[in-house]
């Protein structure tokens, strides 16, 4: 959608930080809306009207690189929101969606084709080892990076997850700065 900016895109367009854009939105200076997943979106006309009013130069259009797609699978809405917010405010402008169960996750892996999957394996309908094995053994999804989350796994079980295709394993509560760093590394952005 050419006439719509993410927070990150708007920050680059205005030459300010993503946090500044969020502050301007929250203060009511820039009109924005939220997607179903809670992501802020800004119409180009609204952003440019604000920029003109503030005397911020409007840059010439330049080609947009493909955004890295991330699928977060967790049945805890607070964890999903925390992860989405942390990654959305990151400098790499990820496209992020979430799924709250294994069935929805399967559909999203097929249709959304994420570059990276953040997977809570302690969900009632998810067998973490099986999900990793299935993704890594499918020619269409084998390049998908997988980060496994769990509050209950020990080193032995983490090793088993990695043996079945997980690229990284994190214990909850999540170390968000480290997670953001690893996401960028796995997606070859850092």
N, C-alpha and C. Protein backbone atom coordinates (compact mmCIF):
# COMPACT_ATOMS: atom_id res chain seq x y z
N UNK A 1 0.85 -1.18 0.00
CA UNK A 1 0.00 0.00 0.00
C UNK A 1 0.90 1.24 0.00
N UNK A 2 0.99 1.83 -1.15
CA UNK A 2 1.94 2.91 -1.36
C UNK A 2 1.66 4.16 -0.53
N UNK A 3 0.41 4.46 -0.26
CA UNK A 3 0.08 5.68 0.46
C UNK A 3 0.04 5.53 1.97
N UNK A 4 0.56 4.41 2.49
CA UNK A 4 0.51 4.13 3.93
C UNK A 4 1.93 3.89 4.44
N UNK A 5 2.27 4.51 5.58
CA UNK A 5 3.59 4.35 6.19
C UNK A 5 3.48 3.56 7.48
N UNK A 6 4.50 2.72 7.74
CA UNK A 6 4.67 2.15 9.07
C UNK A 6 5.38 3.23 9.90
N UNK A 7 5.50 3.01 11.20
CA UNK A 7 6.22 3.95 12.06
C UNK A 7 7.66 4.09 11.57
N UNK A 8 8.29 2.98 11.25
CA UNK A 8 9.67 3.01 10.80
C UNK A 8 9.81 3.79 9.49
N UNK A 9 8.93 3.52 8.53
CA UNK A 9 9.00 4.23 7.25
C UNK A 9 8.79 5.73 7.45
N UNK A 10 7.84 6.09 8.31
CA UNK A 10 7.58 7.51 8.59
C UNK A 10 8.80 8.15 9.24
N UNK A 11 9.49 7.41 10.11
CA UNK A 11 10.67 7.96 10.77
C UNK A 11 11.78 8.24 9.76
N UNK A 12 11.96 7.34 8.80
CA UNK A 12 12.97 7.55 7.76
C UNK A 12 12.58 8.74 6.88
N UNK A 13 11.31 8.82 6.56
CA UNK A 13 10.78 9.88 5.70
C UNK A 13 10.99 11.25 6.34
N UNK A 14 10.81 11.33 7.65
CA UNK A 14 10.96 12.60 8.39
C UNK A 14 12.38 12.80 8.93
N UNK A 15 13.21 11.76 8.82
CA UNK A 15 14.58 11.80 9.33
C UNK A 15 14.62 11.99 10.85
N UNK A 16 13.76 11.25 11.55
CA UNK A 16 13.72 11.24 13.02
C UNK A 16 13.67 9.78 13.48
N UNK A 17 13.69 9.55 14.78
CA UNK A 17 13.63 8.17 15.29
C UNK A 17 12.19 7.66 15.27
N UNK A 18 12.01 6.32 15.23
CA UNK A 18 10.66 5.75 15.31
C UNK A 18 9.94 6.20 16.59
N UNK A 19 10.69 6.32 17.69
CA UNK A 19 10.08 6.75 18.97
C UNK A 19 9.51 8.16 18.85
N UNK A 20 10.18 9.03 18.09
CA UNK A 20 9.68 10.40 17.89
C UNK A 20 8.34 10.36 17.15
N UNK A 21 8.25 9.51 16.13
CA UNK A 21 6.99 9.38 15.37
C UNK A 21 5.88 8.91 16.31
N UNK A 22 6.18 7.90 17.13
CA UNK A 22 5.19 7.38 18.08
C UNK A 22 4.75 8.49 19.04
N UNK A 23 5.72 9.26 19.54
CA UNK A 23 5.38 10.37 20.44
C UNK A 23 4.48 11.39 19.75
N UNK A 24 4.78 11.72 18.49
CA UNK A 24 3.96 12.68 17.74
C UNK A 24 2.55 12.14 17.53
N UNK A 25 2.44 10.84 17.27
CA UNK A 25 1.12 10.22 17.09
C UNK A 25 0.36 10.27 18.42
N UNK A 26 1.03 9.82 19.50
CA UNK A 26 0.38 9.79 20.81
C UNK A 26 -0.04 11.18 21.29
N UNK A 27 0.71 12.20 20.89
CA UNK A 27 0.38 13.58 21.29
C UNK A 27 -0.69 14.19 20.38
N UNK A 28 -1.09 13.45 19.33
CA UNK A 28 -2.14 13.94 18.44
C UNK A 28 -1.64 14.86 17.33
N UNK A 29 -0.33 14.95 17.14
CA UNK A 29 0.22 15.81 16.09
C UNK A 29 0.10 15.18 14.70
N UNK A 30 0.19 13.86 14.65
CA UNK A 30 0.05 13.14 13.38
C UNK A 30 -1.14 12.20 13.52
N UNK A 31 -2.03 12.23 12.54
CA UNK A 31 -3.17 11.33 12.55
C UNK A 31 -2.70 9.94 12.11
N UNK A 32 -3.11 8.92 12.84
CA UNK A 32 -2.73 7.54 12.51
C UNK A 32 -3.85 6.61 12.93
N UNK A 33 -3.77 5.39 12.46
CA UNK A 33 -4.73 4.37 12.89
C UNK A 33 -3.95 3.12 13.25
N UNK A 34 -4.63 2.17 13.88
CA UNK A 34 -3.99 0.90 14.25
C UNK A 34 -4.60 -0.24 13.45
N UNK A 35 -3.74 -1.17 13.05
CA UNK A 35 -4.21 -2.37 12.36
C UNK A 35 -4.83 -3.30 13.40
N UNK A 36 -5.42 -4.37 12.93
CA UNK A 36 -6.01 -5.36 13.84
C UNK A 36 -4.94 -5.90 14.79
N UNK A 37 -3.72 -6.01 14.31
CA UNK A 37 -2.61 -6.51 15.14
C UNK A 37 -2.03 -5.46 16.06
N UNK A 38 -2.58 -4.22 16.04
CA UNK A 38 -2.11 -3.17 16.94
C UNK A 38 -0.98 -2.31 16.40
N UNK A 39 -0.65 -2.48 15.12
CA UNK A 39 0.43 -1.69 14.52
C UNK A 39 -0.09 -0.32 14.09
N UNK A 40 0.71 0.71 14.31
CA UNK A 40 0.34 2.06 13.88
C UNK A 40 0.61 2.20 12.39
N UNK A 41 -0.32 2.85 11.69
CA UNK A 41 -0.15 3.14 10.28
C UNK A 41 -0.54 4.59 10.04
N UNK A 42 0.19 5.25 9.14
CA UNK A 42 -0.01 6.67 8.88
C UNK A 42 -0.23 6.85 7.38
N UNK A 43 -1.28 7.57 7.03
CA UNK A 43 -1.51 7.87 5.61
C UNK A 43 -0.49 8.91 5.16
N UNK A 44 0.00 8.72 3.95
CA UNK A 44 1.00 9.64 3.39
C UNK A 44 0.50 11.07 3.44
N UNK A 45 -0.77 11.31 3.08
CA UNK A 45 -1.30 12.68 3.05
C UNK A 45 -1.26 13.31 4.44
N UNK A 46 -1.56 12.50 5.48
CA UNK A 46 -1.54 13.02 6.85
C UNK A 46 -0.12 13.34 7.30
N UNK A 47 0.82 12.45 6.96
CA UNK A 47 2.21 12.67 7.35
C UNK A 47 2.77 13.90 6.63
N UNK A 48 2.50 14.01 5.34
CA UNK A 48 3.03 15.15 4.58
C UNK A 48 2.38 16.46 5.02
N UNK A 49 1.11 16.45 5.40
CA UNK A 49 0.46 17.66 5.91
C UNK A 49 1.16 18.11 7.20
N UNK A 50 1.45 17.15 8.09
CA UNK A 50 2.17 17.46 9.33
C UNK A 50 3.56 18.03 9.01
N UNK A 51 4.24 17.39 8.06
CA UNK A 51 5.60 17.83 7.71
C UNK A 51 5.60 19.26 7.16
N UNK A 52 4.63 19.56 6.29
CA UNK A 52 4.54 20.91 5.74
C UNK A 52 4.29 21.92 6.85
N UNK A 53 3.38 21.56 7.76
CA UNK A 53 3.03 22.46 8.87
C UNK A 53 4.25 22.74 9.76
N UNK A 54 5.11 21.72 9.93
CA UNK A 54 6.29 21.86 10.80
C UNK A 54 7.53 22.34 10.05
N UNK A 55 7.41 22.50 8.73
CA UNK A 55 8.57 22.93 7.94
C UNK A 55 9.59 21.83 7.72
N UNK A 56 9.17 20.56 7.83
CA UNK A 56 10.07 19.43 7.59
C UNK A 56 10.10 19.16 6.09
N UNK A 57 11.27 19.15 5.47
CA UNK A 57 11.35 18.90 4.02
C UNK A 57 10.79 17.53 3.66
N UNK A 58 10.06 17.47 2.56
CA UNK A 58 9.48 16.21 2.08
C UNK A 58 10.45 15.64 1.04
N UNK A 59 11.00 14.44 1.32
CA UNK A 59 12.00 13.86 0.41
C UNK A 59 11.38 13.36 -0.89
N UNK A 60 12.23 13.21 -1.89
CA UNK A 60 11.80 12.61 -3.15
C UNK A 60 11.65 11.11 -2.92
N UNK A 61 10.74 10.48 -3.63
CA UNK A 61 10.49 9.05 -3.45
C UNK A 61 11.71 8.23 -3.89
N UNK A 62 11.97 7.17 -3.16
CA UNK A 62 13.05 6.25 -3.52
C UNK A 62 12.53 4.82 -3.43
N UNK A 63 13.16 3.88 -4.14
CA UNK A 63 12.66 2.50 -4.14
C UNK A 63 12.68 1.88 -2.74
N UNK A 64 11.67 1.07 -2.48
CA UNK A 64 11.53 0.44 -1.17
C UNK A 64 12.01 -1.01 -1.24
N UNK A 65 12.89 -1.40 -0.32
CA UNK A 65 13.39 -2.78 -0.27
C UNK A 65 12.33 -3.69 0.35
N UNK A 66 12.42 -4.99 0.04
CA UNK A 66 11.47 -5.94 0.62
C UNK A 66 11.64 -6.00 2.14
N UNK A 67 10.52 -5.91 2.82
CA UNK A 67 10.56 -5.97 4.28
C UNK A 67 10.63 -7.43 4.72
N UNK A 68 11.36 -7.67 5.80
CA UNK A 68 11.45 -9.02 6.35
C UNK A 68 10.16 -9.32 7.12
N UNK A 69 9.59 -10.50 6.86
CA UNK A 69 8.33 -10.91 7.47
C UNK A 69 8.59 -11.80 8.69
N UNK A 70 7.90 -11.47 9.80
CA UNK A 70 8.03 -12.23 11.04
C UNK A 70 6.66 -12.69 11.49
N UNK A 71 6.55 -13.96 11.83
CA UNK A 71 5.33 -14.53 12.39
C UNK A 71 5.59 -14.88 13.85
N UNK A 72 4.77 -14.33 14.75
CA UNK A 72 4.89 -14.63 16.18
C UNK A 72 3.74 -15.56 16.55
N UNK A 73 4.07 -16.71 17.11
CA UNK A 73 3.06 -17.69 17.50
C UNK A 73 3.10 -17.87 19.01
N UNK A 74 2.07 -17.35 19.68
CA UNK A 74 1.98 -17.46 21.14
C UNK A 74 0.52 -17.27 21.51
N UNK A 75 0.04 -18.03 22.50
CA UNK A 75 -1.36 -17.89 22.91
C UNK A 75 -1.54 -16.86 24.02
N UNK A 76 -0.46 -16.21 24.44
CA UNK A 76 -0.54 -15.17 25.46
C UNK A 76 -0.52 -13.81 24.77
N UNK A 77 -1.67 -13.10 24.75
CA UNK A 77 -1.74 -11.82 24.04
C UNK A 77 -0.76 -10.77 24.57
N UNK A 78 -0.41 -10.83 25.84
CA UNK A 78 0.52 -9.85 26.40
C UNK A 78 1.92 -10.07 25.82
N UNK A 79 2.32 -11.34 25.71
CA UNK A 79 3.63 -11.63 25.12
C UNK A 79 3.65 -11.24 23.65
N UNK A 80 2.58 -11.54 22.93
CA UNK A 80 2.49 -11.17 21.51
C UNK A 80 2.63 -9.66 21.37
N UNK A 81 1.87 -8.89 22.17
CA UNK A 81 1.92 -7.43 22.08
C UNK A 81 3.31 -6.90 22.43
N UNK A 82 3.94 -7.48 23.44
CA UNK A 82 5.29 -7.06 23.84
C UNK A 82 6.28 -7.29 22.70
N UNK A 83 6.22 -8.48 22.10
CA UNK A 83 7.13 -8.81 21.00
C UNK A 83 6.87 -7.93 19.78
N UNK A 84 5.59 -7.78 19.43
CA UNK A 84 5.24 -6.97 18.26
C UNK A 84 5.74 -5.54 18.46
N UNK A 85 5.47 -4.98 19.61
CA UNK A 85 5.87 -3.59 19.87
C UNK A 85 7.40 -3.45 19.83
N UNK A 86 8.10 -4.36 20.46
CA UNK A 86 9.57 -4.28 20.49
C UNK A 86 10.15 -4.39 19.08
N UNK A 87 9.63 -5.32 18.29
CA UNK A 87 10.18 -5.52 16.95
C UNK A 87 9.71 -4.44 15.97
N UNK A 88 8.47 -3.96 16.16
CA UNK A 88 7.96 -2.93 15.25
C UNK A 88 8.71 -1.61 15.43
N UNK A 89 9.15 -1.34 16.64
CA UNK A 89 9.88 -0.09 16.89
C UNK A 89 11.36 -0.23 16.53
N UNK A 90 11.76 -1.41 16.08
CA UNK A 90 13.15 -1.64 15.70
C UNK A 90 13.44 -0.92 14.39
N UNK A 91 14.70 -0.69 14.14
CA UNK A 91 15.11 0.08 12.97
C UNK A 91 14.96 -0.66 11.65
N UNK A 92 14.66 -1.95 11.68
CA UNK A 92 14.67 -2.74 10.45
C UNK A 92 13.32 -2.83 9.73
N UNK A 93 12.29 -2.22 10.25
CA UNK A 93 10.98 -2.14 9.58
C UNK A 93 10.43 -3.51 9.19
N UNK A 94 10.28 -4.39 10.17
CA UNK A 94 9.74 -5.71 9.91
C UNK A 94 8.24 -5.64 9.62
N UNK A 95 7.77 -6.60 8.85
CA UNK A 95 6.33 -6.80 8.68
C UNK A 95 5.98 -7.95 9.62
N UNK A 96 5.11 -7.69 10.59
CA UNK A 96 4.87 -8.66 11.66
C UNK A 96 3.39 -9.01 11.74
N UNK A 97 3.12 -10.31 11.82
CA UNK A 97 1.77 -10.76 12.13
C UNK A 97 1.89 -11.80 13.24
N UNK A 98 0.75 -12.16 13.84
CA UNK A 98 0.79 -13.14 14.92
C UNK A 98 -0.30 -14.19 14.72
N UNK A 99 -0.10 -15.31 15.38
CA UNK A 99 -1.08 -16.39 15.41
C UNK A 99 -1.16 -16.87 16.85
N UNK A 100 -2.37 -17.24 17.27
CA UNK A 100 -2.54 -17.63 18.67
C UNK A 100 -2.69 -19.14 18.88
N UNK A 101 -2.64 -19.92 17.78
CA UNK A 101 -2.69 -21.37 17.92
C UNK A 101 -1.97 -22.03 16.75
N UNK A 102 -1.77 -23.32 16.87
CA UNK A 102 -1.03 -24.07 15.86
C UNK A 102 -1.70 -24.10 14.51
N UNK A 103 -3.02 -24.19 14.48
CA UNK A 103 -3.75 -24.23 13.21
C UNK A 103 -3.55 -22.93 12.44
N UNK A 104 -3.77 -21.81 13.13
CA UNK A 104 -3.60 -20.50 12.51
C UNK A 104 -2.15 -20.30 12.07
N UNK A 105 -1.22 -20.77 12.88
CA UNK A 105 0.20 -20.64 12.54
C UNK A 105 0.52 -21.39 11.24
N UNK A 106 -0.05 -22.58 11.10
CA UNK A 106 0.16 -23.37 9.87
C UNK A 106 -0.33 -22.64 8.64
N UNK A 107 -1.48 -22.03 8.75
CA UNK A 107 -2.04 -21.27 7.63
C UNK A 107 -1.14 -20.07 7.32
N UNK A 108 -0.70 -19.36 8.36
CA UNK A 108 0.13 -18.17 8.15
C UNK A 108 1.50 -18.51 7.57
N UNK A 109 2.08 -19.63 7.97
CA UNK A 109 3.38 -20.03 7.41
C UNK A 109 3.23 -20.24 5.90
N UNK A 110 2.11 -20.84 5.49
CA UNK A 110 1.86 -21.09 4.08
C UNK A 110 1.59 -19.82 3.29
N UNK A 111 0.75 -18.93 3.84
CA UNK A 111 0.32 -17.75 3.08
C UNK A 111 1.22 -16.53 3.27
N UNK A 112 1.65 -16.27 4.48
CA UNK A 112 2.46 -15.09 4.80
C UNK A 112 3.93 -15.31 4.43
N UNK A 113 4.35 -16.58 4.42
CA UNK A 113 5.73 -16.96 4.12
C UNK A 113 6.75 -16.14 4.92
N UNK A 114 6.73 -16.30 6.25
CA UNK A 114 7.64 -15.51 7.07
C UNK A 114 9.10 -15.87 6.83
N UNK A 115 9.96 -14.87 6.99
CA UNK A 115 11.40 -15.12 6.96
C UNK A 115 11.85 -15.67 8.31
N UNK A 116 11.08 -15.33 9.36
CA UNK A 116 11.43 -15.76 10.71
C UNK A 116 10.15 -16.06 11.49
N UNK A 117 10.22 -17.13 12.28
CA UNK A 117 9.10 -17.57 13.10
C UNK A 117 9.54 -17.53 14.56
N UNK A 118 8.77 -16.82 15.40
CA UNK A 118 9.00 -16.82 16.84
C UNK A 118 7.91 -17.72 17.42
N UNK A 119 8.28 -18.84 17.99
CA UNK A 119 7.32 -19.89 18.34
C UNK A 119 7.37 -20.26 19.81
N UNK A 120 6.23 -20.07 20.49
CA UNK A 120 6.09 -20.57 21.86
C UNK A 120 5.69 -22.04 21.75
N UNK A 121 6.53 -22.92 22.22
CA UNK A 121 6.23 -24.34 22.03
C UNK A 121 5.40 -24.92 23.17
N UNK A 122 5.09 -24.14 24.18
CA UNK A 122 4.28 -24.65 25.28
C UNK A 122 2.82 -24.23 25.11
N UNK A 123 2.27 -24.52 23.94
CA UNK A 123 0.86 -24.24 23.68
C UNK A 123 0.15 -25.58 23.53
N UNK A 124 -1.13 -25.63 23.91
CA UNK A 124 -1.85 -26.91 23.93
C UNK A 124 -1.82 -27.69 22.62
N UNK A 125 -1.91 -26.99 21.48
CA UNK A 125 -2.03 -27.72 20.21
C UNK A 125 -0.74 -27.70 19.38
N UNK A 126 0.38 -27.37 20.01
CA UNK A 126 1.63 -27.32 19.26
C UNK A 126 2.64 -28.31 19.83
N UNK A 127 3.17 -29.13 18.95
CA UNK A 127 4.27 -30.01 19.30
C UNK A 127 5.50 -29.37 18.67
N UNK A 128 6.25 -28.65 19.48
CA UNK A 128 7.35 -27.83 19.00
C UNK A 128 8.35 -28.55 18.11
N UNK A 129 8.73 -29.76 18.51
CA UNK A 129 9.70 -30.51 17.71
C UNK A 129 9.15 -30.77 16.32
N UNK A 130 7.87 -31.14 16.28
CA UNK A 130 7.22 -31.47 15.01
C UNK A 130 7.10 -30.25 14.10
N UNK A 131 6.75 -29.10 14.68
CA UNK A 131 6.62 -27.86 13.90
C UNK A 131 7.98 -27.52 13.27
N UNK A 132 9.03 -27.54 14.05
CA UNK A 132 10.37 -27.22 13.54
C UNK A 132 10.77 -28.19 12.43
N UNK A 133 10.57 -29.48 12.68
CA UNK A 133 10.94 -30.50 11.71
C UNK A 133 10.18 -30.30 10.39
N UNK A 134 8.87 -30.02 10.50
CA UNK A 134 8.03 -29.84 9.31
C UNK A 134 8.47 -28.63 8.48
N UNK A 135 8.74 -27.52 9.17
CA UNK A 135 9.15 -26.30 8.47
C UNK A 135 10.50 -26.51 7.78
N UNK A 136 11.44 -27.10 8.48
CA UNK A 136 12.79 -27.27 7.92
C UNK A 136 12.87 -28.37 6.85
N UNK A 137 11.90 -29.27 6.81
CA UNK A 137 11.95 -30.34 5.82
C UNK A 137 11.15 -29.99 4.55
N UNK A 138 10.44 -28.87 4.56
CA UNK A 138 9.65 -28.44 3.39
C UNK A 138 10.52 -27.51 2.54
N UNK A 139 10.63 -27.80 1.24
CA UNK A 139 11.47 -26.98 0.35
C UNK A 139 11.07 -25.51 0.33
N UNK A 140 9.76 -25.23 0.48
CA UNK A 140 9.29 -23.84 0.43
C UNK A 140 9.59 -23.06 1.72
N UNK A 141 9.75 -23.76 2.83
CA UNK A 141 9.91 -23.06 4.12
C UNK A 141 11.23 -23.38 4.82
N UNK A 142 12.08 -24.20 4.22
CA UNK A 142 13.29 -24.64 4.92
C UNK A 142 14.25 -23.51 5.27
N UNK A 143 14.17 -22.37 4.58
CA UNK A 143 15.04 -21.23 4.88
C UNK A 143 14.49 -20.35 6.01
N UNK A 144 13.25 -20.64 6.44
CA UNK A 144 12.65 -19.87 7.53
C UNK A 144 13.45 -20.07 8.81
N UNK A 145 13.82 -18.98 9.45
CA UNK A 145 14.54 -19.05 10.72
C UNK A 145 13.50 -19.26 11.83
N UNK A 146 13.86 -20.04 12.83
CA UNK A 146 12.92 -20.35 13.92
C UNK A 146 13.56 -20.02 15.27
N UNK A 147 12.86 -19.17 16.03
CA UNK A 147 13.26 -18.89 17.41
C UNK A 147 12.20 -19.50 18.31
N UNK A 148 12.61 -20.39 19.18
CA UNK A 148 11.70 -21.08 20.09
C UNK A 148 11.69 -20.37 21.44
N UNK A 149 10.48 -20.20 21.99
CA UNK A 149 10.32 -19.60 23.31
C UNK A 149 9.67 -20.63 24.24
N UNK A 150 10.11 -20.65 25.48
CA UNK A 150 9.46 -21.51 26.46
C UNK A 150 9.86 -21.10 27.87
N UNK A 151 8.92 -21.25 28.77
CA UNK A 151 9.21 -20.98 30.18
C UNK A 151 9.64 -22.26 30.89
N UNK A 152 9.53 -23.40 30.21
CA UNK A 152 9.69 -24.67 30.91
C UNK A 152 10.77 -25.59 30.37
N UNK A 153 11.53 -25.15 29.38
CA UNK A 153 12.50 -26.06 28.80
C UNK A 153 13.87 -25.94 29.45
N UNK A 154 14.53 -27.08 29.61
CA UNK A 154 15.90 -27.07 30.13
C UNK A 154 16.87 -27.21 28.95
N UNK A 155 18.16 -27.21 29.23
CA UNK A 155 19.18 -27.26 28.17
C UNK A 155 19.03 -28.50 27.29
N UNK A 156 18.69 -29.63 27.89
CA UNK A 156 18.54 -30.87 27.12
C UNK A 156 17.40 -30.75 26.10
N UNK A 157 16.29 -30.18 26.54
CA UNK A 157 15.14 -30.03 25.62
C UNK A 157 15.44 -28.95 24.57
N UNK A 158 16.16 -27.89 24.95
CA UNK A 158 16.57 -26.88 23.97
C UNK A 158 17.45 -27.54 22.90
N UNK A 159 18.35 -28.42 23.33
CA UNK A 159 19.21 -29.11 22.37
C UNK A 159 18.37 -29.95 21.41
N UNK A 160 17.34 -30.61 21.93
CA UNK A 160 16.46 -31.42 21.09
C UNK A 160 15.72 -30.51 20.08
N UNK A 161 15.30 -29.32 20.52
CA UNK A 161 14.63 -28.38 19.62
C UNK A 161 15.59 -27.98 18.49
N UNK A 162 16.84 -27.69 18.86
CA UNK A 162 17.83 -27.29 17.84
C UNK A 162 18.11 -28.45 16.89
N UNK A 163 18.16 -29.67 17.41
CA UNK A 163 18.38 -30.85 16.57
C UNK A 163 17.23 -31.03 15.57
N UNK A 164 16.06 -30.51 15.91
CA UNK A 164 14.89 -30.62 15.03
C UNK A 164 14.68 -29.38 14.16
N UNK A 165 15.62 -28.43 14.20
CA UNK A 165 15.53 -27.31 13.27
C UNK A 165 15.44 -25.91 13.86
N UNK A 166 15.27 -25.79 15.18
CA UNK A 166 15.21 -24.45 15.77
C UNK A 166 16.58 -23.79 15.64
N UNK A 167 16.58 -22.51 15.26
CA UNK A 167 17.84 -21.78 15.13
C UNK A 167 18.32 -21.23 16.47
N UNK A 168 17.36 -20.86 17.33
CA UNK A 168 17.67 -20.30 18.64
C UNK A 168 16.58 -20.69 19.63
N UNK A 169 16.92 -20.76 20.89
CA UNK A 169 15.95 -21.03 21.94
C UNK A 169 16.11 -19.99 23.04
N UNK A 170 14.98 -19.43 23.49
CA UNK A 170 14.98 -18.46 24.57
C UNK A 170 14.04 -18.92 25.67
N UNK A 171 14.45 -18.69 26.91
CA UNK A 171 13.57 -18.94 28.04
C UNK A 171 12.78 -17.67 28.34
N UNK A 172 11.56 -17.85 28.81
CA UNK A 172 10.77 -16.71 29.28
C UNK A 172 11.12 -16.50 30.75
N UNK A 173 11.10 -15.29 31.27
CA UNK A 173 10.78 -14.04 30.58
C UNK A 173 11.88 -13.69 29.56
N UNK A 174 11.45 -13.03 28.51
CA UNK A 174 12.34 -12.76 27.38
C UNK A 174 13.30 -11.61 27.63
N UNK A 175 14.55 -11.80 27.24
CA UNK A 175 15.49 -10.68 27.24
C UNK A 175 15.31 -9.92 25.92
N UNK A 176 14.40 -8.93 25.88
CA UNK A 176 14.04 -8.27 24.63
C UNK A 176 15.22 -7.69 23.84
N UNK A 177 16.16 -6.98 24.46
CA UNK A 177 17.28 -6.46 23.68
C UNK A 177 18.06 -7.58 22.97
N UNK A 178 18.27 -8.68 23.67
CA UNK A 178 19.00 -9.81 23.08
C UNK A 178 18.18 -10.44 21.95
N UNK A 179 16.87 -10.57 22.17
CA UNK A 179 16.00 -11.14 21.15
C UNK A 179 16.03 -10.28 19.88
N UNK A 180 15.92 -8.95 20.03
CA UNK A 180 15.96 -8.05 18.87
C UNK A 180 17.28 -8.19 18.12
N UNK A 181 18.36 -8.30 18.86
CA UNK A 181 19.69 -8.46 18.27
C UNK A 181 19.78 -9.76 17.47
N UNK A 182 19.26 -10.83 18.04
CA UNK A 182 19.31 -12.15 17.38
C UNK A 182 18.39 -12.20 16.16
N UNK A 183 17.24 -11.55 16.24
CA UNK A 183 16.33 -11.49 15.09
C UNK A 183 17.05 -10.81 13.92
N UNK A 184 17.67 -9.67 14.17
CA UNK A 184 18.41 -8.95 13.12
C UNK A 184 19.56 -9.81 12.58
N UNK A 185 20.25 -10.51 13.47
CA UNK A 185 21.37 -11.36 13.03
C UNK A 185 20.87 -12.50 12.15
N UNK A 186 19.81 -13.19 12.58
CA UNK A 186 19.28 -14.30 11.82
C UNK A 186 18.76 -13.87 10.44
N UNK A 187 18.27 -12.64 10.37
CA UNK A 187 17.74 -12.12 9.10
C UNK A 187 18.82 -11.39 8.29
N UNK A 188 20.06 -11.52 8.73
CA UNK A 188 21.23 -10.92 8.06
C UNK A 188 21.12 -9.40 7.93
N UNK A 189 20.60 -8.77 8.98
CA UNK A 189 20.46 -7.32 9.00
C UNK A 189 21.48 -6.69 9.95
N UNK A 190 22.15 -7.54 10.72
CA UNK A 190 23.14 -7.00 11.67
C UNK A 190 24.46 -7.74 11.53
